[in-house]
Amino acid sequence: FHCVKHQNYQNLAPALDDAKKPRPAEVIEERRRFIKTSGLFKDIVVREYKWIDTYSQKGYLSLLNTHSKHQQLRAEVRKKLFADLKTIIDAHGGQIEKEQLVALFLARKK
């Protein structure tokens, strides 16, 4: 699913292609360094919580439709993008699984 989705975004909305985003581990490490180098905190602890959400085709497209960057697409581009995603999801059994990650940063003030 994700390879085909990536190609779809590259063709229709390359600015929204999440393959260009830094990986979660990179973001977490960057934020950890920022907290540490601020000099304001000590004893930094990062806890990661992971899970998998399953979305129906309709549920996933509804979720995307709440994202402001998708809403800012020209209507005809958004319509084509969503139609293609619908076809892709339907071809993969009508639902997708999406990994989720939340990082909790804890630190004591100096």
PDB file of N, CA and C in Angstrom:
ATOM      1  N   PHE A   1       0.822  -1.203   0.000  1.00  0.00           N
ATOM      2  CA  PHE A   1       0.000   0.000   0.000  1.00  0.00           C
ATOM      3  C   PHE A   1       0.858   1.256   0.000  1.00  0.00           C
ATOM      4  N   HIS A   2       1.852   1.295   0.891  1.00  0.00           N
ATOM      5  CA  HIS A   2       2.607   2.531   1.080  1.00  0.00           C
ATOM      6  C   HIS A   2       3.433   2.914  -0.146  1.00  0.00           C
ATOM      7  N   CYS A   3       3.957   1.938  -0.882  1.00  0.00           N
ATOM      8  CA  CYS A   3       4.715   2.256  -2.102  1.00  0.00           C
ATOM      9  C   CYS A   3       3.812   2.873  -3.161  1.00  0.00           C
ATOM     10  N   VAL A   4       2.635   2.300  -3.337  1.00  0.00           N
ATOM     11  CA  VAL A   4       1.688   2.822  -4.325  1.00  0.00           C
ATOM     12  C   VAL A   4       1.187   4.191  -3.884  1.00  0.00           C
ATOM     13  N   LYS A   5       0.912   4.345  -2.591  1.00  0.00           N
ATOM     14  CA  LYS A   5       0.478   5.635  -2.047  1.00  0.00           C
ATOM     15  C   LYS A   5       1.548   6.692  -2.296  1.00  0.00           C
ATOM     16  N   HIS A   6       2.802   6.343  -2.059  1.00  0.00           N
ATOM     17  CA  HIS A   6       3.922   7.260  -2.275  1.00  0.00           C
ATOM     18  C   HIS A   6       3.948   7.740  -3.730  1.00  0.00           C
ATOM     19  N   GLN A   7       3.792   6.819  -4.670  1.00  0.00           N
ATOM     20  CA  GLN A   7       3.780   7.187  -6.094  1.00  0.00           C
ATOM     21  C   GLN A   7       2.618   8.122  -6.404  1.00  0.00           C
ATOM     22  N   ASN A   8       1.475   7.861  -5.800  1.00  0.00           N
ATOM     23  CA  ASN A   8       0.289   8.686  -6.014  1.00  0.00           C
ATOM     24  C   ASN A   8       0.541  10.120  -5.543  1.00  0.00           C
ATOM     25  N   TYR A   9       1.106  10.261  -4.355  1.00  0.00           N
ATOM     26  CA  TYR A   9       1.412  11.599  -3.838  1.00  0.00           C
ATOM     27  C   TYR A   9       2.479  12.281  -4.693  1.00  0.00           C
ATOM     28  N   GLN A  10       3.488  11.534  -5.132  1.00  0.00           N
ATOM     29  CA  GLN A  10       4.527  12.115  -5.981  1.00  0.00           C
ATOM     30  C   GLN A  10       3.930  12.691  -7.260  1.00  0.00           C
ATOM     31  N   ASN A  11       2.952  12.007  -7.813  1.00  0.00           N
ATOM     32  CA  ASN A  11       2.326  12.456  -9.059  1.00  0.00           C
ATOM     33  C   ASN A  11       1.378  13.628  -8.862  1.00  0.00           C
ATOM     34  N   LEU A  12       0.617  13.638  -7.785  1.00  0.00           N
ATOM     35  CA  LEU A  12      -0.462  14.621  -7.629  1.00  0.00           C
ATOM     36  C   LEU A  12      -0.183  15.723  -6.612  1.00  0.00           C
ATOM     37  N   ALA A  13       0.505  15.392  -5.537  1.00  0.00           N
ATOM     38  CA  ALA A  13       0.733  16.374  -4.465  1.00  0.00           C
ATOM     39  C   ALA A  13       2.097  16.114  -3.817  1.00  0.00           C
ATOM     40  N   PRO A  14       3.174  16.352  -4.558  1.00  0.00           N
ATOM     41  CA  PRO A  14       4.502  16.015  -4.039  1.00  0.00           C
ATOM     42  C   PRO A  14       4.858  16.713  -2.727  1.00  0.00           C
ATOM     43  N   ALA A  15       4.307  17.878  -2.478  1.00  0.00           N
ATOM     44  CA  ALA A  15       4.599  18.592  -1.227  1.00  0.00           C
ATOM     45  C   ALA A  15       4.044  17.854  -0.009  1.00  0.00           C
ATOM     46  N   LEU A  16       3.072  16.967  -0.218  1.00  0.00           N
ATOM     47  CA  LEU A  16       2.463  16.231   0.891  1.00  0.00           C
ATOM     48  C   LEU A  16       3.025  14.824   1.058  1.00  0.00           C
ATOM     49  N   ASP A  17       3.989  14.456   0.246  1.00  0.00           N
ATOM     50  CA  ASP A  17       4.556  13.110   0.309  1.00  0.00           C
ATOM     51  C   ASP A  17       5.331  12.940   1.607  1.00  0.00           C
ATOM     52  N   ASP A  18       4.829  12.098   2.503  1.00  0.00           N
ATOM     53  CA  ASP A  18       5.465  11.941   3.810  1.00  0.00           C
ATOM     54  C   ASP A  18       6.784  11.175   3.756  1.00  0.00           C
ATOM     55  N   ALA A  19       7.145  10.647   2.595  1.00  0.00           N
ATOM     56  CA  ALA A  19       8.436   9.978   2.463  1.00  0.00           C
ATOM     57  C   ALA A  19       9.586  10.975   2.603  1.00  0.00           C
ATOM     58  N   LYS A  20       9.296  12.251   2.439  1.00  0.00           N
ATOM     59  CA  LYS A  20      10.327  13.289   2.544  1.00  0.00           C
ATOM     60  C   LYS A  20      10.536  13.759   3.981  1.00  0.00           C
ATOM     61  N   LYS A  21       9.646  13.377   4.865  1.00  0.00           N
ATOM     62  CA  LYS A  21       9.752  13.798   6.264  1.00  0.00           C
ATOM     63  C   LYS A  21      10.860  13.018   6.966  1.00  0.00           C
ATOM     64  N   PRO A  22      11.461  13.627   7.994  1.00  0.00           N
ATOM     65  CA  PRO A  22      12.437  12.863   8.779  1.00  0.00           C
ATOM     66  C   PRO A  22      11.740  11.711   9.506  1.00  0.00           C
ATOM     67  N   ARG A  23      12.475  10.644   9.721  1.00  0.00           N
ATOM     68  CA  ARG A  23      11.945   9.485  10.439  1.00  0.00           C
ATOM     69  C   ARG A  23      11.697   9.866  11.900  1.00  0.00           C
ATOM     70  N   PRO A  24      10.734   9.207  12.554  1.00  0.00           N
ATOM     71  CA  PRO A  24      10.436   9.526  13.958  1.00  0.00           C
ATOM     72  C   PRO A  24      11.664   9.488  14.871  1.00  0.00           C
ATOM     73  N   ALA A  25      12.543   8.510  14.685  1.00  0.00           N
ATOM     74  CA  ALA A  25      13.734   8.428  15.540  1.00  0.00           C
ATOM     75  C   ALA A  25      14.598   9.679  15.404  1.00  0.00           C
ATOM     76  N   GLU A  26      14.678  10.234  14.201  1.00  0.00           N
ATOM     77  CA  GLU A  26      15.458  11.457  13.980  1.00  0.00           C
ATOM     78  C   GLU A  26      14.822  12.645  14.693  1.00  0.00           C
ATOM     79  N   VAL A  27      13.500  12.749  14.618  1.00  0.00           N
ATOM     80  CA  VAL A  27      12.784  13.850  15.273  1.00  0.00           C
ATOM     81  C   VAL A  27      12.944  13.753  16.787  1.00  0.00           C
ATOM     82  N   ILE A  28      12.803  12.549  17.314  1.00  0.00           N
ATOM     83  CA  ILE A  28      12.928  12.350  18.760  1.00  0.00           C
ATOM     84  C   ILE A  28      14.328  12.729  19.226  1.00  0.00           C
ATOM     85  N   GLU A  29      15.345  12.277  18.503  1.00  0.00           N
ATOM     86  CA  GLU A  29      16.721  12.591  18.896  1.00  0.00           C
ATOM     87  C   GLU A  29      16.996  14.091  18.791  1.00  0.00           C
ATOM     88  N   GLU A  30      16.484  14.731  17.768  1.00  0.00           N
ATOM     89  CA  GLU A  30      16.660  16.185  17.616  1.00  0.00           C
ATOM     90  C   GLU A  30      16.029  16.935  18.791  1.00  0.00           C
ATOM     91  N   ARG A  31      14.844  16.528  19.187  1.00  0.00           N
ATOM     92  CA  ARG A  31      14.173  17.191  20.317  1.00  0.00           C
ATOM     93  C   ARG A  31      14.887  16.913  21.637  1.00  0.00           C
ATOM     94  N   ARG A  32      15.384  15.694  21.786  1.00  0.00           N
ATOM     95  CA  ARG A  32      16.140  15.361  22.999  1.00  0.00           C
ATOM     96  C   ARG A  32      17.383  16.256  23.092  1.00  0.00           C
ATOM     97  N   ARG A  33      18.107  16.405  21.963  1.00  0.00           N
ATOM     98  CA  ARG A  33      19.290  17.279  21.938  1.00  0.00           C
ATOM     99  C   ARG A  33      18.921  18.724  22.249  1.00  0.00           C
ATOM    100  N   PHE A  34      17.800  19.192  21.700  1.00  0.00           N
ATOM    101  CA  PHE A  34      17.355  20.566  21.943  1.00  0.00           C
ATOM    102  C   PHE A  34      17.105  20.800  23.433  1.00  0.00           C
ATOM    103  N   ILE A  35      16.415  19.858  24.066  1.00  0.00           N
ATOM    104  CA  ILE A  35      16.135  19.979  25.507  1.00  0.00           C
ATOM    105  C   ILE A  35      17.446  19.985  26.289  1.00  0.00           C
ATOM    106  N   LYS A  36      18.348  19.065  25.936  1.00  0.00           N
ATOM    107  CA  LYS A  36      19.618  18.961  26.655  1.00  0.00           C
ATOM    108  C   LYS A  36      20.464  20.224  26.478  1.00  0.00           C
ATOM    109  N   THR A  37      20.577  20.711  25.250  1.00  0.00           N
ATOM    110  CA  THR A  37      21.438  21.873  24.995  1.00  0.00           C
ATOM    111  C   THR A  37      20.825  23.183  25.467  1.00  0.00           C
ATOM    112  N   SER A  38      19.549  23.182  25.807  1.00  0.00           N
ATOM    113  CA  SER A  38      18.941  24.410  26.326  1.00  0.00           C
ATOM    114  C   SER A  38      19.551  24.794  27.667  1.00  0.00           C
ATOM    115  N   GLY A  39      20.085  23.799  28.382  1.00  0.00           N
ATOM    116  CA  GLY A  39      20.666  24.056  29.688  1.00  0.00           C
ATOM    117  C   GLY A  39      19.639  24.270  30.790  1.00  0.00           C
ATOM    118  N   LEU A  40      18.376  24.113  30.476  1.00  0.00           N
ATOM    119  CA  LEU A  40      17.307  24.364  31.446  1.00  0.00           C
ATOM    120  C   LEU A  40      16.837  23.107  32.169  1.00  0.00           C
ATOM    121  N   PHE A  41      17.207  21.934  31.623  1.00  0.00           N
ATOM    122  CA  PHE A  41      16.667  20.686  32.156  1.00  0.00           C
ATOM    123  C   PHE A  41      17.768  19.662  32.391  1.00  0.00           C
ATOM    124  N   LYS A  42      17.456  18.693  33.252  1.00  0.00           N
ATOM    125  CA  LYS A  42      18.361  17.573  33.516  1.00  0.00           C
ATOM    126  C   LYS A  42      17.528  16.295  33.605  1.00  0.00           C
ATOM    127  N   ASP A  43      18.205  15.175  33.649  1.00  0.00           N
ATOM    128  CA  ASP A  43      17.541  13.869  33.794  1.00  0.00           C
ATOM    129  C   ASP A  43      16.449  13.665  32.739  1.00  0.00           C
ATOM    130  N   ILE A  44      16.811  13.818  31.498  1.00  0.00           N
ATOM    131  CA  ILE A  44      15.844  13.702  30.397  1.00  0.00           C
ATOM    132  C   ILE A  44      15.505  12.231  30.161  1.00  0.00           C
ATOM    133  N   VAL A  45      14.222  11.958  30.103  1.00  0.00           N
ATOM    134  CA  VAL A  45      13.723  10.613  29.815  1.00  0.00           C
ATOM    135  C   VAL A  45      12.732  10.731  28.665  1.00  0.00           C
ATOM    136  N   VAL A  46      12.863   9.824  27.708  1.00  0.00           N
ATOM    137  CA  VAL A  46      11.917   9.787  26.593  1.00  0.00           C
ATOM    138  C   VAL A  46      11.233   8.431  26.618  1.00  0.00           C
ATOM    139  N   ARG A  47       9.925   8.465  26.599  1.00  0.00           N
ATOM    140  CA  ARG A  47       9.140   7.226  26.541  1.00  0.00           C
ATOM    141  C   ARG A  47       8.376   7.225  25.229  1.00  0.00           C
ATOM    142  N   GLU A  48       8.423   6.101  24.546  1.00  0.00           N
ATOM    143  CA  GLU A  48       7.724   5.969  23.272  1.00  0.00           C
ATOM    144  C   GLU A  48       6.563   4.996  23.428  1.00  0.00           C
ATOM    145  N   TYR A  49       5.436   5.381  22.889  1.00  0.00           N
ATOM    146  CA  TYR A  49       4.234   4.547  22.902  1.00  0.00           C
ATOM    147  C   TYR A  49       3.833   4.303  21.454  1.00  0.00           C
ATOM    148  N   LYS A  50       3.790   3.027  21.083  1.00  0.00           N
ATOM    149  CA  LYS A  50       3.498   2.654  19.698  1.00  0.00           C
ATOM    150  C   LYS A  50       2.248   1.780  19.648  1.00  0.00           C
ATOM    151  N   TRP A  51       1.510   1.927  18.560  1.00  0.00           N
ATOM    152  CA  TRP A  51       0.368   1.067  18.311  1.00  0.00           C
ATOM    153  C   TRP A  51       0.036   1.134  16.824  1.00  0.00           C
ATOM    154  N   ILE A  52      -0.876   0.293  16.413  1.00  0.00           N
ATOM    155  CA  ILE A  52      -1.304   0.263  15.014  1.00  0.00           C
ATOM    156  C   ILE A  52      -2.793   0.555  14.965  1.00  0.00           C
ATOM    157  N   ASP A  53      -3.158   1.541  14.155  1.00  0.00           N
ATOM    158  CA  ASP A  53      -4.568   1.849  13.903  1.00  0.00           C
ATOM    159  C   ASP A  53      -4.976   1.216  12.582  1.00  0.00           C
ATOM    160  N   THR A  54      -6.172   0.655  12.559  1.00  0.00           N
ATOM    161  CA  THR A  54      -6.725   0.111  11.325  1.00  0.00           C
ATOM    162  C   THR A  54      -7.822   1.047  10.850  1.00  0.00           C
ATOM    163  N   TYR A  55      -7.727   1.461   9.596  1.00  0.00           N
ATOM    164  CA  TYR A  55      -8.700   2.390   9.019  1.00  0.00           C
ATOM    165  C   TYR A  55      -9.417   1.734   7.849  1.00  0.00           C
ATOM    166  N   SER A  56     -10.717   1.908   7.804  1.00  0.00           N
ATOM    167  CA  SER A  56     -11.453   1.549   6.596  1.00  0.00           C
ATOM    168  C   SER A  56     -11.084   2.581   5.533  1.00  0.00           C
ATOM    169  N   GLN A  57     -11.393   2.282   4.296  1.00  0.00           N
ATOM    170  CA  GLN A  57     -11.127   3.230   3.213  1.00  0.00           C
ATOM    171  C   GLN A  57     -11.819   4.558   3.490  1.00  0.00           C
ATOM    172  N   LYS A  58     -13.074   4.489   3.888  1.00  0.00           N
ATOM    173  CA  LYS A  58     -13.843   5.709   4.166  1.00  0.00           C
ATOM    174  C   LYS A  58     -13.262   6.458   5.369  1.00  0.00           C
ATOM    175  N   GLY A  59     -12.908   5.725   6.417  1.00  0.00           N
ATOM    176  CA  GLY A  59     -12.351   6.347   7.615  1.00  0.00           C
ATOM    177  C   GLY A  59     -11.021   7.032   7.351  1.00  0.00           C
ATOM    178  N   TYR A  60     -10.168   6.400   6.541  1.00  0.00           N
ATOM    179  CA  TYR A  60      -8.864   6.983   6.238  1.00  0.00           C
ATOM    180  C   TYR A  60      -9.013   8.254   5.406  1.00  0.00           C
ATOM    181  N   LEU A  61      -9.876   8.211   4.410  1.00  0.00           N
ATOM    182  CA  LEU A  61     -10.087   9.406   3.582  1.00  0.00           C
ATOM    183  C   LEU A  61     -10.736  10.520   4.395  1.00  0.00           C
ATOM    184  N   SER A  62     -11.612  10.167   5.314  1.00  0.00           N
ATOM    185  CA  SER A  62     -12.206  11.179   6.204  1.00  0.00           C
ATOM    186  C   SER A  62     -11.133  11.815   7.080  1.00  0.00           C
ATOM    187  N   LEU A  63     -10.214  11.003   7.579  1.00  0.00           N
ATOM    188  CA  LEU A  63      -9.111  11.525   8.383  1.00  0.00           C
ATOM    189  C   LEU A  63      -8.251  12.485   7.560  1.00  0.00           C
ATOM    190  N   LEU A  64      -7.873  12.071   6.356  1.00  0.00           N
ATOM    191  CA  LEU A  64      -7.058  12.943   5.503  1.00  0.00           C
ATOM    192  C   LEU A  64      -7.766  14.253   5.204  1.00  0.00           C
ATOM    193  N   ASN A  65      -9.074  14.195   5.079  1.00  0.00           N
ATOM    194  CA  ASN A  65      -9.850  15.393   4.756  1.00  0.00           C
ATOM    195  C   ASN A  65      -9.857  16.402   5.906  1.00  0.00           C
ATOM    196  N   THR A  66      -9.440  15.983   7.107  1.00  0.00           N
ATOM    197  CA  THR A  66      -9.350  16.926   8.229  1.00  0.00           C
ATOM    198  C   THR A  66      -8.006  17.646   8.258  1.00  0.00           C
ATOM    199  N   HIS A  67      -7.030  17.162   7.501  1.00  0.00           N
ATOM    200  CA  HIS A  67      -5.694  17.766   7.489  1.00  0.00           C
ATOM    201  C   HIS A  67      -5.708  19.038   6.645  1.00  0.00           C
ATOM    202  N   SER A  68      -5.239  20.112   7.217  1.00  0.00           N
ATOM    203  CA  SER A  68      -5.299  21.402   6.520  1.00  0.00           C
ATOM    204  C   SER A  68      -4.530  21.384   5.205  1.00  0.00           C
ATOM    205  N   LYS A  69      -3.419  20.666   5.137  1.00  0.00           N
ATOM    206  CA  LYS A  69      -2.658  20.648   3.879  1.00  0.00           C
ATOM    207  C   LYS A  69      -3.427  19.941   2.774  1.00  0.00           C
ATOM    208  N   HIS A  70      -4.219  18.942   3.123  1.00  0.00           N
ATOM    209  CA  HIS A  70      -5.069  18.305   2.117  1.00  0.00           C
ATOM    210  C   HIS A  70      -6.210  19.249   1.726  1.00  0.00           C
ATOM    211  N   GLN A  71      -6.740  19.975   2.694  1.00  0.00           N
ATOM    212  CA  GLN A  71      -7.828  20.914   2.409  1.00  0.00           C
ATOM    213  C   GLN A  71      -7.356  22.053   1.515  1.00  0.00           C
ATOM    214  N   GLN A  72      -6.074  22.391   1.574  1.00  0.00           N
ATOM    215  CA  GLN A  72      -5.538  23.492   0.782  1.00  0.00           C
ATOM    216  C   GLN A  72      -5.234  23.106  -0.661  1.00  0.00           C
ATOM    217  N   LEU A  73      -5.276  21.819  -0.975  1.00  0.00           N
ATOM    218  CA  LEU A  73      -5.074  21.400  -2.362  1.00  0.00           C
ATOM    219  C   LEU A  73      -6.198  21.942  -3.234  1.00  0.00           C
ATOM    220  N   ARG A  74      -5.881  22.178  -4.496  1.00  0.00           N
ATOM    221  CA  ARG A  74      -6.947  22.559  -5.433  1.00  0.00           C
ATOM    222  C   ARG A  74      -7.982  21.432  -5.441  1.00  0.00           C
ATOM    223  N   ALA A  75      -9.237  21.802  -5.534  1.00  0.00           N
ATOM    224  CA  ALA A  75     -10.333  20.826  -5.414  1.00  0.00           C
ATOM    225  C   ALA A  75     -10.171  19.660  -6.380  1.00  0.00           C
ATOM    226  N   GLU A  76      -9.778  19.943  -7.619  1.00  0.00           N
ATOM    227  CA  GLU A  76      -9.657  18.857  -8.601  1.00  0.00           C
ATOM    228  C   GLU A  76      -8.490  17.928  -8.267  1.00  0.00           C
ATOM    229  N   VAL A  77      -7.416  18.470  -7.700  1.00  0.00           N
ATOM    230  CA  VAL A  77      -6.275  17.638  -7.294  1.00  0.00           C
ATOM    231  C   VAL A  77      -6.672  16.763  -6.109  1.00  0.00           C
ATOM    232  N   ARG A  78      -7.330  17.356  -5.119  1.00  0.00           N
ATOM    233  CA  ARG A  78      -7.772  16.598  -3.938  1.00  0.00           C
ATOM    234  C   ARG A  78      -8.736  15.489  -4.354  1.00  0.00           C
ATOM    235  N   LYS A  79      -9.662  15.808  -5.239  1.00  0.00           N
ATOM    236  CA  LYS A  79     -10.646  14.814  -5.693  1.00  0.00           C
ATOM    237  C   LYS A  79      -9.943  13.638  -6.379  1.00  0.00           C
ATOM    238  N   LYS A  80      -8.978  13.919  -7.246  1.00  0.00           N
ATOM    239  CA  LYS A  80      -8.236  12.870  -7.949  1.00  0.00           C
ATOM    240  C   LYS A  80      -7.381  12.066  -6.967  1.00  0.00           C
ATOM    241  N   LEU A  81      -6.704  12.765  -6.052  1.00  0.00           N
ATOM    242  CA  LEU A  81      -5.872  12.100  -5.052  1.00  0.00           C
ATOM    243  C   LEU A  81      -6.704  11.141  -4.211  1.00  0.00           C
ATOM    244  N   PHE A  82      -7.843  11.612  -3.713  1.00  0.00           N
ATOM    245  CA  PHE A  82      -8.701  10.778  -2.875  1.00  0.00           C
ATOM    246  C   PHE A  82      -9.311   9.625  -3.673  1.00  0.00           C
ATOM    247  N   ALA A  83      -9.670   9.857  -4.924  1.00  0.00           N
ATOM    248  CA  ALA A  83     -10.216   8.778  -5.761  1.00  0.00           C
ATOM    249  C   ALA A  83      -9.164   7.688  -5.966  1.00  0.00           C
ATOM    250  N   ASP A  84      -7.927   8.111  -6.226  1.00  0.00           N
ATOM    251  CA  ASP A  84      -6.849   7.134  -6.400  1.00  0.00           C
ATOM    252  C   ASP A  84      -6.570   6.379  -5.101  1.00  0.00           C
ATOM    253  N   LEU A  85      -6.558   7.097  -3.977  1.00  0.00           N
ATOM    254  CA  LEU A  85      -6.338   6.436  -2.686  1.00  0.00           C
ATOM    255  C   LEU A  85      -7.457   5.443  -2.383  1.00  0.00           C
ATOM    256  N   LYS A  86      -8.691   5.800  -2.722  1.00  0.00           N
ATOM    257  CA  LYS A  86      -9.828   4.894  -2.527  1.00  0.00           C
ATOM    258  C   LYS A  86      -9.592   3.594  -3.299  1.00  0.00           C
ATOM    259  N   THR A  87      -9.180   3.723  -4.544  1.00  0.00           N
ATOM    260  CA  THR A  87      -8.912   2.555  -5.382  1.00  0.00           C
ATOM    261  C   THR A  87      -7.782   1.707  -4.801  1.00  0.00           C
ATOM    262  N   ILE A  88      -6.726   2.370  -4.355  1.00  0.00           N
ATOM    263  CA  ILE A  88      -5.576   1.663  -3.786  1.00  0.00           C
ATOM    264  C   ILE A  88      -5.984   0.906  -2.517  1.00  0.00           C
ATOM    265  N   ILE A  89      -6.717   1.569  -1.635  1.00  0.00           N
ATOM    266  CA  ILE A  89      -7.143   0.924  -0.381  1.00  0.00           C
ATOM    267  C   ILE A  89      -8.080  -0.239  -0.676  1.00  0.00           C
ATOM    268  N   ASP A  90      -9.016  -0.037  -1.579  1.00  0.00           N
ATOM    269  CA  ASP A  90      -9.934  -1.119  -1.946  1.00  0.00           C
ATOM    270  C   ASP A  90      -9.174  -2.319  -2.506  1.00  0.00           C
ATOM    271  N   ALA A  91      -8.100  -2.055  -3.261  1.00  0.00           N
ATOM    272  CA  ALA A  91      -7.290  -3.137  -3.828  1.00  0.00           C
ATOM    273  C   ALA A  91      -6.503  -3.887  -2.752  1.00  0.00           C
ATOM    274  N   HIS A  92      -6.360  -3.281  -1.591  1.00  0.00           N
ATOM    275  CA  HIS A  92      -5.650  -3.907  -0.472  1.00  0.00           C
ATOM    276  C   HIS A  92      -6.628  -4.382   0.610  1.00  0.00           C
ATOM    277  N   GLY A  93      -7.816  -4.776   0.201  1.00  0.00           N
ATOM    278  CA  GLY A  93      -8.769  -5.358   1.139  1.00  0.00           C
ATOM    279  C   GLY A  93      -9.715  -4.377   1.793  1.00  0.00           C
ATOM    280  N   GLY A  94      -9.700  -3.115   1.367  1.00  0.00           N
ATOM    281  CA  GLY A  94     -10.661  -2.142   1.884  1.00  0.00           C
ATOM    282  C   GLY A  94     -10.276  -1.488   3.193  1.00  0.00           C
ATOM    283  N   GLN A  95      -9.097  -1.833   3.704  1.00  0.00           N
ATOM    284  CA  GLN A  95      -8.636  -1.179   4.924  1.00  0.00           C
ATOM    285  C   GLN A  95      -7.111  -1.147   4.933  1.00  0.00           C
ATOM    286  N   ILE A  96      -6.580  -0.258   5.757  1.00  0.00           N
ATOM    287  CA  ILE A  96      -5.133  -0.153   5.895  1.00  0.00           C
ATOM    288  C   ILE A  96      -4.770  -0.115   7.374  1.00  0.00           C
ATOM    289  N   GLU A  97      -3.534  -0.463   7.644  1.00  0.00           N
ATOM    290  CA  GLU A  97      -2.998  -0.333   8.992  1.00  0.00           C
ATOM    291  C   GLU A  97      -1.947   0.759   8.973  1.00  0.00           C
ATOM    292  N   LYS A  98      -2.001   1.611   9.977  1.00  0.00           N
ATOM    293  CA  LYS A  98      -1.071   2.732  10.064  1.00  0.00           C
ATOM    294  C   LYS A  98      -0.406   2.709  11.432  1.00  0.00           C
ATOM    295  N   GLU A  99       0.923   2.634  11.424  1.00  0.00           N
ATOM    296  CA  GLU A  99       1.667   2.653  12.680  1.00  0.00           C
ATOM    297  C   GLU A  99       1.604   4.048  13.282  1.00  0.00           C
ATOM    298  N   GLN A 100       1.408   4.101  14.587  1.00  0.00           N
ATOM    299  CA  GLN A 100       1.346   5.375  15.309  1.00  0.00           C
ATOM    300  C   GLN A 100       2.445   5.383  16.368  1.00  0.00           C
ATOM    301  N   LEU A 101       2.938   6.560  16.662  1.00  0.00           N
ATOM    302  CA  LEU A 101       3.972   6.715  17.680  1.00  0.00           C
ATOM    303  C   LEU A 101       3.774   8.039  18.388  1.00  0.00           C
ATOM    304  N   VAL A 102       3.778   7.978  19.705  1.00  0.00           N
ATOM    305  CA  VAL A 102       3.757   9.183  20.532  1.00  0.00           C
ATOM    306  C   VAL A 102       5.010   9.126  21.398  1.00  0.00           C
ATOM    307  N   ALA A 103       5.737  10.234  21.444  1.00  0.00           N
ATOM    308  CA  ALA A 103       6.927  10.318  22.292  1.00  0.00           C
ATOM    309  C   ALA A 103       6.640  11.285  23.432  1.00  0.00           C
ATOM    310  N   LEU A 104       6.884  10.822  24.643  1.00  0.00           N
ATOM    311  CA  LEU A 104       6.703  11.636  25.843  1.00  0.00           C
ATOM    312  C   LEU A 104       8.085  12.015  26.366  1.00  0.00           C
ATOM    313  N   PHE A 105       8.328  13.312  26.485  1.00  0.00           N
ATOM    314  CA  PHE A 105       9.607  13.816  26.985  1.00  0.00           C
ATOM    315  C   PHE A 105       9.417  14.289  28.422  1.00  0.00           C
ATOM    316  N   LEU A 106      10.209  13.743  29.329  1.00  0.00           N
ATOM    317  CA  LEU A 106      10.167  14.130  30.740  1.00  0.00           C
ATOM    318  C   LEU A 106      11.554  14.624  31.138  1.00  0.00           C
ATOM    319  N   ALA A 107      11.595  15.708  31.916  1.00  0.00           N
ATOM    320  CA  ALA A 107      12.877  16.221  32.403  1.00  0.00           C
ATOM    321  C   ALA A 107      12.631  17.080  33.634  1.00  0.00           C
ATOM    322  N   ARG A 108      13.645  17.176  34.455  1.00  0.00           N
ATOM    323  CA  ARG A 108      13.572  18.031  35.652  1.00  0.00           C
ATOM    324  C   ARG A 108      14.186  19.390  35.329  1.00  0.00           C
ATOM    325  N   LYS A 109      13.556  20.434  35.869  1.00  0.00           N
ATOM    326  CA  LYS A 109      14.140  21.770  35.736  1.00  0.00           C
ATOM    327  C   LYS A 109      15.409  21.835  36.571  1.00  0.00           C
ATOM    328  N   LYS A 110      16.401  22.533  36.057  1.00  0.00           N
ATOM    329  CA  LYS A 110      17.658  22.714  36.817  1.00  0.00           C
ATOM    330  C   LYS A 110      17.470  23.761  37.883  1.00  0.00           C
TER     331      LYS A 110
END
